[in-house]
Structures are given as C-alpha cells and as structure tokens.
Amino acid sequence: MSAPKRPAKTVKTPSQPKPIPASTAGYVLESDAFSLKGRVALVTGSTTGLGKSIAIGLARAGARVAINFNNNSERAERSFAEFKAAGGKGMLLRGDVTSETEVNRMAAEVARKLGPIDILVLNATCDQPHKPIEDYDWAFYQSMLDFFIKSPFLWVRATLPHMKSQGWGRIINIGSEVVPRGVPNFTAYVAAKGGQNGFHRSLATEVARFGVTVNMISPGWIPVERHEKDPQSEKDAYFNLIPAARWGLPKDVAGTAVFLASNASAFVTGQTLCVNGGMTVS
C-alpha cells in the first residue's frame, strides 16, 4: 500500500498593505508616515554633538543629508565616515552659516549634488561661556545673534522658495530649555535663543498655508563632546533635577527631529518640543 500523498506546500508571498478605505482615511496613520525617502535634508553644524546624531537619524529614515561644518576638516571627515558607516547617503558641506554669500553658495551646491533642500535643521552654534553680564561685550552678543537670528534668516530665504513651490517643507530650529528656565549668567545665549524662538513662531504662521511647517526642539543639557571638561559638580547638580532620572541622549533629539521632518507631523507647526526628561514641566 502506497503512502498517502502529502498536500503540496503553498508559498506565501509577502502581503501588501491594504488600501485605506476612503471613509477612514483621516483616521489611519499611513505605514510610511515616518519615512523620509526621497527627501533632501541639510543640518547645519552637524559633524559633532546633537547635529551629528540628527543627521544620522534623518539619513536612517531615508533622507539624503548634507552635513555642514566650517572648521576642523579632519574631524569632519571622520564624522562623515561614521555617517556613511551607519548607512547614510549625502555629502559633506563646508561653509560659514553666518555669511549670506556662503549660505547661498552652499544651498546651490546641495541642490546640484543631492537636490533642492526639503528639510532644514538649524543647529549650528558657537562657544557658549557663562558670564555675568558685566563681563560680556557687544561683539560677543553680536556673534550669538549671527548664529541664532541671522543664520536662520539666511537659510530660510535660500530654501523657502523651493519648499513653497512644491507645497511641502520642514524647518526645524534647535533651541534650548534655557529660555523658559531663565538660566543666570547666560544672557547673551538666552537672549539670542529667545529671539530665534520668536522667529520660528512668526514664520510658522506665515508659511503654514504653503505646506511648510516650522518647529523648534529645545533640548536640556545633553552631554556631548564639548561638555567633556565641564565640572562634575555641575553635572551632578543638573542630573539631580531631571524628573526622568537619566541623562538625555543625542538620539532622543534625533528621534524628535525625524518626527518633525516627517509626514507624521504635518499638522504640527509653530511648536516647541522640549526634550529634557521633564525639566520644564510646570
């Protein structure tokens, strides 16, 4: 007696997402809502610290990313190698973000090599010494305004026409919790960041009807390379105030940037998202 035949095996093909019924389209988040595939992003000041993490995060979400720096070519090349090792695709872009000529040149270079900029992340900064107001001079105040008011203004003017024309764009300012906290001995930085906050709020209402969103991420103290020499006593004092009872990580900011750059945040504009473990809850 011959053995019974086994039924032929059926090979399952991967199922495709079912179309969302028109009646529920406004209730169901698209499966690719967080994807940045096909988008071009620029992150100013992105070879170290938070900017570096943001650039990698945007790239891992699918964007082609221009990584900007102005000084220290050796460090920039190392960072770009790390970016590519993490799967990132993009370019290294040297230039002064406070110079109108340089900003226009860089925007054109990115458009030529990667495509016009769809996602603009304004992260570049300069030294941030804590001093009593009597020890600051106007030249230092001006440098703060150049980085946090002038540079965003120049970059928005260089990139907004494309965003408007395609009916889609994302402008993300990197702010700071020092504004709502009123940190003392820090007036130059706090004043400039406060001005940047006002800039993003006004711009958000101006460009919303073009499909362009403008938001701000305000991180807490997230230790990165430039904090290596900060006194441990200051770090301990800050840590003890964090409700989440842990240090923030650069990837916490990167994840927020991916959200604000994506279609998942299409109806979010003019907002400030504090990434600080609850430090500014009141």
C-alpha atoms as a PDB file:
ATOM      1  CA  MET A   1       0.000   0.000   0.000  1.00  0.00           C
ATOM      2  CA  SER A   2       1.491   3.288  -1.056  1.00  0.00           C
ATOM      3  CA  ALA A   3       1.843   6.148   1.427  1.00  0.00           C
ATOM      4  CA  PRO A   4      -0.779   8.901   1.140  1.00  0.00           C
ATOM      5  CA  LYS A   5       0.329  11.898  -0.842  1.00  0.00           C
ATOM      6  CA  ARG A   6       1.141  14.988   1.158  1.00  0.00           C
ATOM      7  CA  PRO A   7      -0.593  18.175   0.067  1.00  0.00           C
ATOM      8  CA  ALA A   8       1.652  20.455  -1.933  1.00  0.00           C
ATOM      9  CA  LYS A   9       3.212  23.249   0.058  1.00  0.00           C
ATOM     10  CA  THR A  10       1.947  26.707  -0.714  1.00  0.00           C
ATOM     11  CA  VAL A  11       4.463  29.526  -0.770  1.00  0.00           C
ATOM     12  CA  LYS A  12       3.153  32.650   0.859  1.00  0.00           C
ATOM     13  CA  THR A  13       4.065  35.898  -0.778  1.00  0.00           C
ATOM     14  CA  PRO A  14       4.542  38.950   1.436  1.00  0.00           C
ATOM     15  CA  SER A  15       1.243  40.704   1.816  1.00  0.00           C
ATOM     16  CA  GLN A  16       0.985  44.278   0.637  1.00  0.00           C
ATOM     17  CA  PRO A  17      -0.625  46.917   2.846  1.00  0.00           C
ATOM     18  CA  LYS A  18      -4.304  47.111   2.086  1.00  0.00           C
ATOM     19  CA  PRO A  19      -5.585  50.412   0.731  1.00  0.00           C
ATOM     20  CA  ILE A  20      -7.129  52.592   3.403  1.00  0.00           C
ATOM     21  CA  PRO A  21     -10.875  52.912   2.795  1.00  0.00           C
ATOM     22  CA  ALA A  22     -11.838  56.465   1.919  1.00  0.00           C
ATOM     23  CA  SER A  23     -14.260  56.564   4.857  1.00  0.00           C
ATOM     24  CA  THR A  24     -11.443  56.032   7.366  1.00  0.00           C
ATOM     25  CA  ALA A  25      -8.529  57.703   5.559  1.00  0.00           C
ATOM     26  CA  GLY A  26      -8.403  60.534   8.057  1.00  0.00           C
ATOM     27  CA  TYR A  27      -8.186  58.108  10.992  1.00  0.00           C
ATOM     28  CA  VAL A  28      -5.420  55.732   9.922  1.00  0.00           C
ATOM     29  CA  LEU A  29      -1.744  56.722  10.015  1.00  0.00           C
ATOM     30  CA  GLU A  30      -0.006  55.775   6.776  1.00  0.00           C
ATOM     31  CA  SER A  31       2.507  52.944   7.111  1.00  0.00           C
ATOM     32  CA  ASP A  32       5.258  55.168   5.722  1.00  0.00           C
ATOM     33  CA  ALA A  33       4.338  58.280   7.711  1.00  0.00           C
ATOM     34  CA  PHE A  34       7.803  58.493   9.305  1.00  0.00           C
ATOM     35  CA  SER A  35       9.710  57.756   6.098  1.00  0.00           C
ATOM     36  CA  LEU A  36      11.896  60.499   4.629  1.00  0.00           C
ATOM     37  CA  LYS A  37      12.678  58.579   1.450  1.00  0.00           C
ATOM     38  CA  GLY A  38      13.191  60.923  -1.467  1.00  0.00           C
ATOM     39  CA  ARG A  39      13.739  63.979   0.741  1.00  0.00           C
ATOM     40  CA  VAL A  40      16.895  66.100   0.961  1.00  0.00           C
ATOM     41  CA  ALA A  41      17.936  67.482   4.348  1.00  0.00           C
ATOM     42  CA  LEU A  42      20.575  69.939   5.489  1.00  0.00           C
ATOM     43  CA  VAL A  43      21.748  70.035   9.117  1.00  0.00           C
ATOM     44  CA  THR A  44      23.963  72.992   9.982  1.00  0.00           C
ATOM     45  CA  GLY A  45      26.831  72.298  12.356  1.00  0.00           C
ATOM     46  CA  SER A  46      26.472  68.534  12.110  1.00  0.00           C
ATOM     47  CA  THR A  47      29.878  66.910  12.491  1.00  0.00           C
ATOM     48  CA  THR A  48      29.674  66.750  16.295  1.00  0.00           C
ATOM     49  CA  GLY A  49      27.166  66.526  19.119  1.00  0.00           C
ATOM     50  CA  LEU A  50      23.432  66.761  18.585  1.00  0.00           C
ATOM     51  CA  GLY A  51      23.775  67.827  14.952  1.00  0.00           C
ATOM     52  CA  LYS A  52      25.737  64.689  14.133  1.00  0.00           C
ATOM     53  CA  SER A  53      23.080  62.461  15.707  1.00  0.00           C
ATOM     54  CA  ILE A  54      20.270  64.347  13.940  1.00  0.00           C
ATOM     55  CA  ALA A  55      21.986  63.927  10.561  1.00  0.00           C
ATOM     56  CA  ILE A  56      22.358  60.181  11.078  1.00  0.00           C
ATOM     57  CA  GLY A  57      18.757  59.897  12.272  1.00  0.00           C
ATOM     58  CA  LEU A  58      17.377  61.683   9.207  1.00  0.00           C
ATOM     59  CA  ALA A  59      19.517  59.516   6.935  1.00  0.00           C
ATOM     60  CA  ARG A  60      18.349  56.296   8.586  1.00  0.00           C
ATOM     61  CA  ALA A  61      14.778  57.459   7.962  1.00  0.00           C
ATOM     62  CA  GLY A  62      15.613  57.672   4.252  1.00  0.00           C
ATOM     63  CA  ALA A  63      16.721  61.256   3.588  1.00  0.00           C
ATOM     64  CA  ARG A  64      19.838  62.276   1.713  1.00  0.00           C
ATOM     65  CA  VAL A  65      21.670  64.589   4.093  1.00  0.00           C
ATOM     66  CA  ALA A  66      24.125  67.458   3.655  1.00  0.00           C
ATOM     67  CA  ILE A  67      26.415  67.559   6.678  1.00  0.00           C
ATOM     68  CA  ASN A  68      27.736  71.044   7.320  1.00  0.00           C
ATOM     69  CA  PHE A  69      30.889  72.221   9.076  1.00  0.00           C
ATOM     70  CA  ASN A  70      33.170  75.244   8.914  1.00  0.00           C
ATOM     71  CA  ASN A  71      36.278  74.297  10.885  1.00  0.00           C
ATOM     72  CA  ASN A  72      38.350  71.179  11.573  1.00  0.00           C
ATOM     73  CA  SER A  73      38.324  69.260   8.287  1.00  0.00           C
ATOM     74  CA  GLU A  74      39.926  66.170   9.851  1.00  0.00           C
ATOM     75  CA  ARG A  75      37.122  65.821  12.394  1.00  0.00           C
ATOM     76  CA  ALA A  76      34.531  66.441   9.696  1.00  0.00           C
ATOM     77  CA  GLU A  77      35.945  63.669   7.520  1.00  0.00           C
ATOM     78  CA  ARG A  78      35.866  61.253  10.477  1.00  0.00           C
ATOM     79  CA  SER A  79      32.261  62.171  11.212  1.00  0.00           C
ATOM     80  CA  PHE A  80      31.263  61.747   7.564  1.00  0.00           C
ATOM     81  CA  ALA A  81      32.895  58.305   7.536  1.00  0.00           C
ATOM     82  CA  GLU A  82      30.813  57.368  10.595  1.00  0.00           C
ATOM     83  CA  PHE A  83      27.722  58.734   8.868  1.00  0.00           C
ATOM     84  CA  LYS A  84      28.334  56.544   5.819  1.00  0.00           C
ATOM     85  CA  ALA A  85      29.128  53.516   8.004  1.00  0.00           C
ATOM     86  CA  ALA A  86      25.687  53.963   9.600  1.00  0.00           C
ATOM     87  CA  GLY A  87      24.146  53.691   6.142  1.00  0.00           C
ATOM     88  CA  GLY A  88      23.836  57.421   5.479  1.00  0.00           C
ATOM     89  CA  LYS A  89      23.819  58.885   1.988  1.00  0.00           C
ATOM     90  CA  GLY A  90      24.662  62.510   1.385  1.00  0.00           C
ATOM     91  CA  MET A  91      27.542  64.936   1.237  1.00  0.00           C
ATOM     92  CA  LEU A  92      29.976  66.898   3.356  1.00  0.00           C
ATOM     93  CA  LEU A  93      29.475  70.643   3.038  1.00  0.00           C
ATOM     94  CA  ARG A  94      31.937  73.231   4.285  1.00  0.00           C
ATOM     95  CA  GLY A  95      30.889  76.837   4.779  1.00  0.00           C
ATOM     96  CA  ASP A  96      30.153  79.697   7.154  1.00  0.00           C
ATOM     97  CA  VAL A  97      26.453  79.638   8.072  1.00  0.00           C
ATOM     98  CA  THR A  98      26.529  83.317   9.091  1.00  0.00           C
ATOM     99  CA  SER A  99      27.671  84.579   5.669  1.00  0.00           C
ATOM    100  CA  GLU A 100      24.985  85.380   3.086  1.00  0.00           C
ATOM    101  CA  THR A 101      27.346  84.616   0.200  1.00  0.00           C
ATOM    102  CA  GLU A 102      28.356  81.292   1.727  1.00  0.00           C
ATOM    103  CA  VAL A 103      24.788  80.255   2.559  1.00  0.00           C
ATOM    104  CA  ASN A 104      23.626  80.914  -0.994  1.00  0.00           C
ATOM    105  CA  ARG A 105      26.619  79.012  -2.373  1.00  0.00           C
ATOM    106  CA  MET A 106      26.004  76.028  -0.084  1.00  0.00           C
ATOM    107  CA  ALA A 107      22.291  75.875  -0.880  1.00  0.00           C
ATOM    108  CA  ALA A 108      23.102  75.833  -4.597  1.00  0.00           C
ATOM    109  CA  GLU A 109      25.766  73.154  -4.124  1.00  0.00           C
ATOM    110  CA  VAL A 110      23.371  70.874  -2.248  1.00  0.00           C
ATOM    111  CA  ALA A 111      20.700  71.384  -4.922  1.00  0.00           C
ATOM    112  CA  ARG A 112      23.211  70.471  -7.623  1.00  0.00           C
ATOM    113  CA  LYS A 113      24.542  67.321  -5.912  1.00  0.00           C
ATOM    114  CA  LEU A 114      21.579  65.984  -3.906  1.00  0.00           C
ATOM    115  CA  GLY A 115      18.571  68.034  -4.975  1.00  0.00           C
ATOM    116  CA  PRO A 116      16.857  71.117  -3.504  1.00  0.00           C
ATOM    117  CA  ILE A 117      16.619  71.196   0.281  1.00  0.00           C
ATOM    118  CA  ASP A 118      13.280  69.929   1.633  1.00  0.00           C
ATOM    119  CA  ILE A 119      14.236  69.685   5.316  1.00  0.00           C
ATOM    120  CA  LEU A 120      16.255  72.428   7.006  1.00  0.00           C
ATOM    121  CA  VAL A 121      17.646  71.827  10.503  1.00  0.00           C
ATOM    122  CA  LEU A 122      19.192  74.938  12.070  1.00  0.00           C
ATOM    123  CA  ASN A 123      21.625  73.574  14.628  1.00  0.00           C
ATOM    124  CA  ALA A 124      24.962  75.407  14.238  1.00  0.00           C
ATOM    125  CA  THR A 125      26.289  77.157  17.311  1.00  0.00           C
ATOM    126  CA  CYS A 126      29.386  78.882  18.673  1.00  0.00           C
ATOM    127  CA  ASP A 127      31.061  78.905  22.090  1.00  0.00           C
ATOM    128  CA  GLN A 128      28.655  79.434  24.970  1.00  0.00           C
ATOM    129  CA  PRO A 129      30.554  80.746  28.016  1.00  0.00           C
ATOM    130  CA  HIS A 130      28.648  81.501  31.222  1.00  0.00           C
ATOM    131  CA  LYS A 131      29.495  85.012  32.446  1.00  0.00           C
ATOM    132  CA  PRO A 132      27.949  87.833  34.458  1.00  0.00           C
ATOM    133  CA  ILE A 133      26.508  90.423  32.096  1.00  0.00           C
ATOM    134  CA  GLU A 134      29.272  92.905  33.039  1.00  0.00           C
ATOM    135  CA  ASP A 135      31.846  90.517  31.526  1.00  0.00           C
ATOM    136  CA  TYR A 136      30.209  90.246  28.101  1.00  0.00           C
ATOM    137  CA  ASP A 137      30.867  92.743  25.332  1.00  0.00           C
ATOM    138  CA  TRP A 138      28.666  93.627  22.383  1.00  0.00           C
ATOM    139  CA  ALA A 139      30.919  91.759  19.938  1.00  0.00           C
ATOM    140  CA  PHE A 140      30.079  88.508  21.714  1.00  0.00           C
ATOM    141  CA  TYR A 141      26.368  89.349  21.814  1.00  0.00           C
ATOM    142  CA  GLN A 142      26.563  90.027  18.070  1.00  0.00           C
ATOM    143  CA  SER A 143      28.143  86.613  17.435  1.00  0.00           C
ATOM    144  CA  MET A 144      25.213  84.986  19.216  1.00  0.00           C
ATOM    145  CA  LEU A 145      22.722  86.938  17.122  1.00  0.00           C
ATOM    146  CA  ASP A 146      24.617  85.981  13.977  1.00  0.00           C
ATOM    147  CA  PHE A 147      24.290  82.268  14.746  1.00  0.00           C
ATOM    148  CA  PHE A 148      20.746  82.201  16.076  1.00  0.00           C
ATOM    149  CA  ILE A 149      18.970  85.023  14.228  1.00  0.00           C
ATOM    150  CA  LYS A 150      20.969  85.933  11.121  1.00  0.00           C
ATOM    151  CA  SER A 151      21.855  82.371  10.074  1.00  0.00           C
ATOM    152  CA  PRO A 152      18.276  81.023  10.314  1.00  0.00           C
ATOM    153  CA  PHE A 153      17.084  84.077   8.353  1.00  0.00           C
ATOM    154  CA  LEU A 154      19.649  83.496   5.586  1.00  0.00           C
ATOM    155  CA  TRP A 155      18.952  79.769   5.326  1.00  0.00           C
ATOM    156  CA  VAL A 156      15.185  80.210   5.249  1.00  0.00           C
ATOM    157  CA  ARG A 157      15.459  82.786   2.459  1.00  0.00           C
ATOM    158  CA  ALA A 158      17.694  80.411   0.477  1.00  0.00           C
ATOM    159  CA  THR A 159      15.483  77.326   0.832  1.00  0.00           C
ATOM    160  CA  LEU A 160      11.890  78.533   1.222  1.00  0.00           C
ATOM    161  CA  PRO A 161      11.149  79.206  -2.479  1.00  0.00           C
ATOM    162  CA  HIS A 162      11.592  75.508  -3.306  1.00  0.00           C
ATOM    163  CA  MET A 163       9.516  74.406  -0.314  1.00  0.00           C
ATOM    164  CA  LYS A 164       6.706  76.761  -1.281  1.00  0.00           C
ATOM    165  CA  SER A 165       6.752  75.720  -4.921  1.00  0.00           C
ATOM    166  CA  GLN A 166       6.350  72.029  -4.096  1.00  0.00           C
ATOM    167  CA  GLY A 167       3.849  72.609  -1.281  1.00  0.00           C
ATOM    168  CA  TRP A 168       5.976  70.766   1.298  1.00  0.00           C
ATOM    169  CA  GLY A 169       8.815  71.722   3.581  1.00  0.00           C
ATOM    170  CA  ARG A 170      10.178  71.313   7.081  1.00  0.00           C
ATOM    171  CA  ILE A 171      12.141  73.913   9.045  1.00  0.00           C
ATOM    172  CA  ILE A 172      13.421  72.730  12.420  1.00  0.00           C
ATOM    173  CA  ASN A 173      15.164  75.111  14.801  1.00  0.00           C
ATOM    174  CA  ILE A 174      17.295  73.744  17.623  1.00  0.00           C
ATOM    175  CA  GLY A 175      16.529  75.895  20.642  1.00  0.00           C
ATOM    176  CA  SER A 176      17.230  75.380  24.332  1.00  0.00           C
ATOM    177  CA  GLU A 177      15.464  74.960  27.645  1.00  0.00           C
ATOM    178  CA  VAL A 178      17.500  77.901  28.969  1.00  0.00           C
ATOM    179  CA  VAL A 179      14.862  80.313  27.615  1.00  0.00           C
ATOM    180  CA  PRO A 180      11.909  79.135  29.746  1.00  0.00           C
ATOM    181  CA  ARG A 181      14.227  78.357  32.682  1.00  0.00           C
ATOM    182  CA  GLY A 182      15.901  81.794  32.614  1.00  0.00           C
ATOM    183  CA  VAL A 183      19.362  80.403  33.353  1.00  0.00           C
ATOM    184  CA  PRO A 184      21.555  83.082  35.015  1.00  0.00           C
ATOM    185  CA  ASN A 185      24.987  84.279  33.831  1.00  0.00           C
ATOM    186  CA  PHE A 186      23.993  83.340  30.298  1.00  0.00           C
ATOM    187  CA  THR A 187      22.221  86.429  28.973  1.00  0.00           C
ATOM    188  CA  ALA A 188      23.842  86.511  25.513  1.00  0.00           C
ATOM    189  CA  TYR A 189      22.874  82.931  24.650  1.00  0.00           C
ATOM    190  CA  VAL A 190      19.439  83.114  26.281  1.00  0.00           C
ATOM    191  CA  ALA A 191      18.598  86.391  24.539  1.00  0.00           C
ATOM    192  CA  ALA A 192      19.611  85.084  21.102  1.00  0.00           C
ATOM    193  CA  LYS A 193      17.780  81.778  21.581  1.00  0.00           C
ATOM    194  CA  GLY A 194      14.723  83.721  22.743  1.00  0.00           C
ATOM    195  CA  GLY A 195      14.879  85.701  19.513  1.00  0.00           C
ATOM    196  CA  GLN A 196      15.139  82.500  17.499  1.00  0.00           C
ATOM    197  CA  ASN A 197      12.049  81.230  19.288  1.00  0.00           C
ATOM    198  CA  GLY A 198      10.089  84.306  18.236  1.00  0.00           C
ATOM    199  CA  PHE A 199      11.410  83.967  14.682  1.00  0.00           C
ATOM    200  CA  HIS A 200      10.161  80.394  14.327  1.00  0.00           C
ATOM    201  CA  ARG A 201       6.722  81.171  15.774  1.00  0.00           C
ATOM    202  CA  SER A 202       6.101  84.092  13.422  1.00  0.00           C
ATOM    203  CA  LEU A 203       7.479  82.231  10.417  1.00  0.00           C
ATOM    204  CA  ALA A 204       5.263  79.220  11.182  1.00  0.00           C
ATOM    205  CA  THR A 205       2.048  81.205  10.746  1.00  0.00           C
ATOM    206  CA  GLU A 206       3.416  82.943   7.655  1.00  0.00           C
ATOM    207  CA  VAL A 207       4.219  79.777   5.687  1.00  0.00           C
ATOM    208  CA  ALA A 208       1.691  77.268   7.031  1.00  0.00           C
ATOM    209  CA  ARG A 209      -0.652  77.653   4.056  1.00  0.00           C
ATOM    210  CA  PHE A 210       2.162  76.529   1.731  1.00  0.00           C
ATOM    211  CA  GLY A 211       2.515  73.132   3.421  1.00  0.00           C
ATOM    212  CA  VAL A 212       5.685  74.209   5.219  1.00  0.00           C
ATOM    213  CA  THR A 213       5.958  73.556   8.948  1.00  0.00           C
ATOM    214  CA  VAL A 214       8.306  75.406  11.306  1.00  0.00           C
ATOM    215  CA  ASN A 215       9.048  73.973  14.736  1.00  0.00           C
ATOM    216  CA  MET A 216      11.666  74.101  17.456  1.00  0.00           C
ATOM    217  CA  ILE A 217      13.340  71.383  19.516  1.00  0.00           C
ATOM    218  CA  SER A 218      14.549  72.623  22.903  1.00  0.00           C
ATOM    219  CA  PRO A 219      16.931  70.088  24.431  1.00  0.00           C
ATOM    220  CA  GLY A 220      18.028  70.058  28.018  1.00  0.00           C
ATOM    221  CA  TRP A 221      21.655  69.570  28.993  1.00  0.00           C
ATOM    222  CA  ILE A 222      22.621  66.505  26.959  1.00  0.00           C
ATOM    223  CA  PRO A 223      26.343  65.872  27.473  1.00  0.00           C
ATOM    224  CA  VAL A 224      28.266  65.659  24.199  1.00  0.00           C
ATOM    225  CA  GLU A 225      31.893  66.248  23.207  1.00  0.00           C
ATOM    226  CA  ARG A 226      32.007  69.919  24.163  1.00  0.00           C
ATOM    227  CA  HIS A 227      30.865  69.135  27.719  1.00  0.00           C
ATOM    228  CA  GLU A 228      33.733  66.756  28.489  1.00  0.00           C
ATOM    229  CA  LYS A 229      35.580  69.319  30.612  1.00  0.00           C
ATOM    230  CA  ASP A 230      32.533  70.695  32.446  1.00  0.00           C
ATOM    231  CA  PRO A 231      32.836  70.355  36.237  1.00  0.00           C
ATOM    232  CA  GLN A 232      31.372  67.116  37.544  1.00  0.00           C
ATOM    233  CA  SER A 233      29.727  69.012  40.396  1.00  0.00           C
ATOM    234  CA  GLU A 234      27.658  70.999  37.857  1.00  0.00           C
ATOM    235  CA  LYS A 235      26.677  67.826  36.015  1.00  0.00           C
ATOM    236  CA  ASP A 236      25.620  66.160  39.262  1.00  0.00           C
ATOM    237  CA  ALA A 237      23.548  69.169  40.329  1.00  0.00           C
ATOM    238  CA  TYR A 238      21.702  69.220  36.996  1.00  0.00           C
ATOM    239  CA  PHE A 239      21.193  65.458  36.923  1.00  0.00           C
ATOM    240  CA  ASN A 240      19.512  65.550  40.323  1.00  0.00           C
ATOM    241  CA  LEU A 241      16.847  67.893  38.898  1.00  0.00           C
ATOM    242  CA  ILE A 242      15.836  65.678  35.946  1.00  0.00           C
ATOM    243  CA  PRO A 243      12.421  64.093  36.652  1.00  0.00           C
ATOM    244  CA  ALA A 244      13.183  61.205  34.281  1.00  0.00           C
ATOM    245  CA  ALA A 245      16.228  60.341  36.443  1.00  0.00           C
ATOM    246  CA  ARG A 246      18.539  59.776  33.483  1.00  0.00           C
ATOM    247  CA  TRP A 247      20.690  61.811  31.153  1.00  0.00           C
ATOM    248  CA  GLY A 248      19.266  62.697  27.772  1.00  0.00           C
ATOM    249  CA  LEU A 249      20.995  61.135  24.793  1.00  0.00           C
ATOM    250  CA  PRO A 250      21.685  62.680  21.379  1.00  0.00           C
ATOM    251  CA  LYS A 251      19.387  60.075  19.811  1.00  0.00           C
ATOM    252  CA  ASP A 252      16.494  61.454  21.907  1.00  0.00           C
ATOM    253  CA  VAL A 253      16.834  64.691  19.956  1.00  0.00           C
ATOM    254  CA  ALA A 254      17.379  62.854  16.665  1.00  0.00           C
ATOM    255  CA  GLY A 255      14.122  60.941  17.096  1.00  0.00           C
ATOM    256  CA  THR A 256      12.231  64.174  17.687  1.00  0.00           C
ATOM    257  CA  ALA A 257      13.801  65.665  14.555  1.00  0.00           C
ATOM    258  CA  VAL A 258      12.719  62.677  12.458  1.00  0.00           C
ATOM    259  CA  PHE A 259       9.147  63.109  13.712  1.00  0.00           C
ATOM    260  CA  LEU A 260       9.094  66.836  12.913  1.00  0.00           C
ATOM    261  CA  ALA A 261      10.637  66.214   9.488  1.00  0.00           C
ATOM    262  CA  SER A 262       8.112  63.533   8.556  1.00  0.00           C
ATOM    263  CA  ASN A 263       4.540  63.467   7.306  1.00  0.00           C
ATOM    264  CA  ALA A 264       3.507  62.225  10.749  1.00  0.00           C
ATOM    265  CA  SER A 265       3.839  65.823  11.984  1.00  0.00           C
ATOM    266  CA  ALA A 266       2.138  67.507   9.022  1.00  0.00           C
ATOM    267  CA  PHE A 267      -0.350  69.382  11.238  1.00  0.00           C
ATOM    268  CA  VAL A 268       2.230  70.382  13.859  1.00  0.00           C
ATOM    269  CA  THR A 269       3.710  73.849  13.376  1.00  0.00           C
ATOM    270  CA  GLY A 270       4.849  76.779  15.487  1.00  0.00           C
ATOM    271  CA  GLN A 271       5.558  74.443  18.391  1.00  0.00           C
ATOM    272  CA  THR A 272       8.475  73.981  20.764  1.00  0.00           C
ATOM    273  CA  LEU A 273       9.124  70.391  21.861  1.00  0.00           C
ATOM    274  CA  CYS A 274      11.257  70.200  24.994  1.00  0.00           C
ATOM    275  CA  VAL A 275      13.496  67.136  25.043  1.00  0.00           C
ATOM    276  CA  ASN A 276      14.724  67.248  28.617  1.00  0.00           C
ATOM    277  CA  GLY A 277      13.147  64.471  30.676  1.00  0.00           C
ATOM    278  CA  GLY A 278      10.543  66.810  32.175  1.00  0.00           C
ATOM    279  CA  MET A 279      12.825  69.632  33.317  1.00  0.00           C
ATOM    280  CA  THR A 280      10.474  72.370  32.113  1.00  0.00           C
ATOM    281  CA  VAL A 281       7.181  70.858  33.296  1.00  0.00           C
ATOM    282  CA  SER A 282       5.388  73.475  35.387  1.00  0.00           C
END
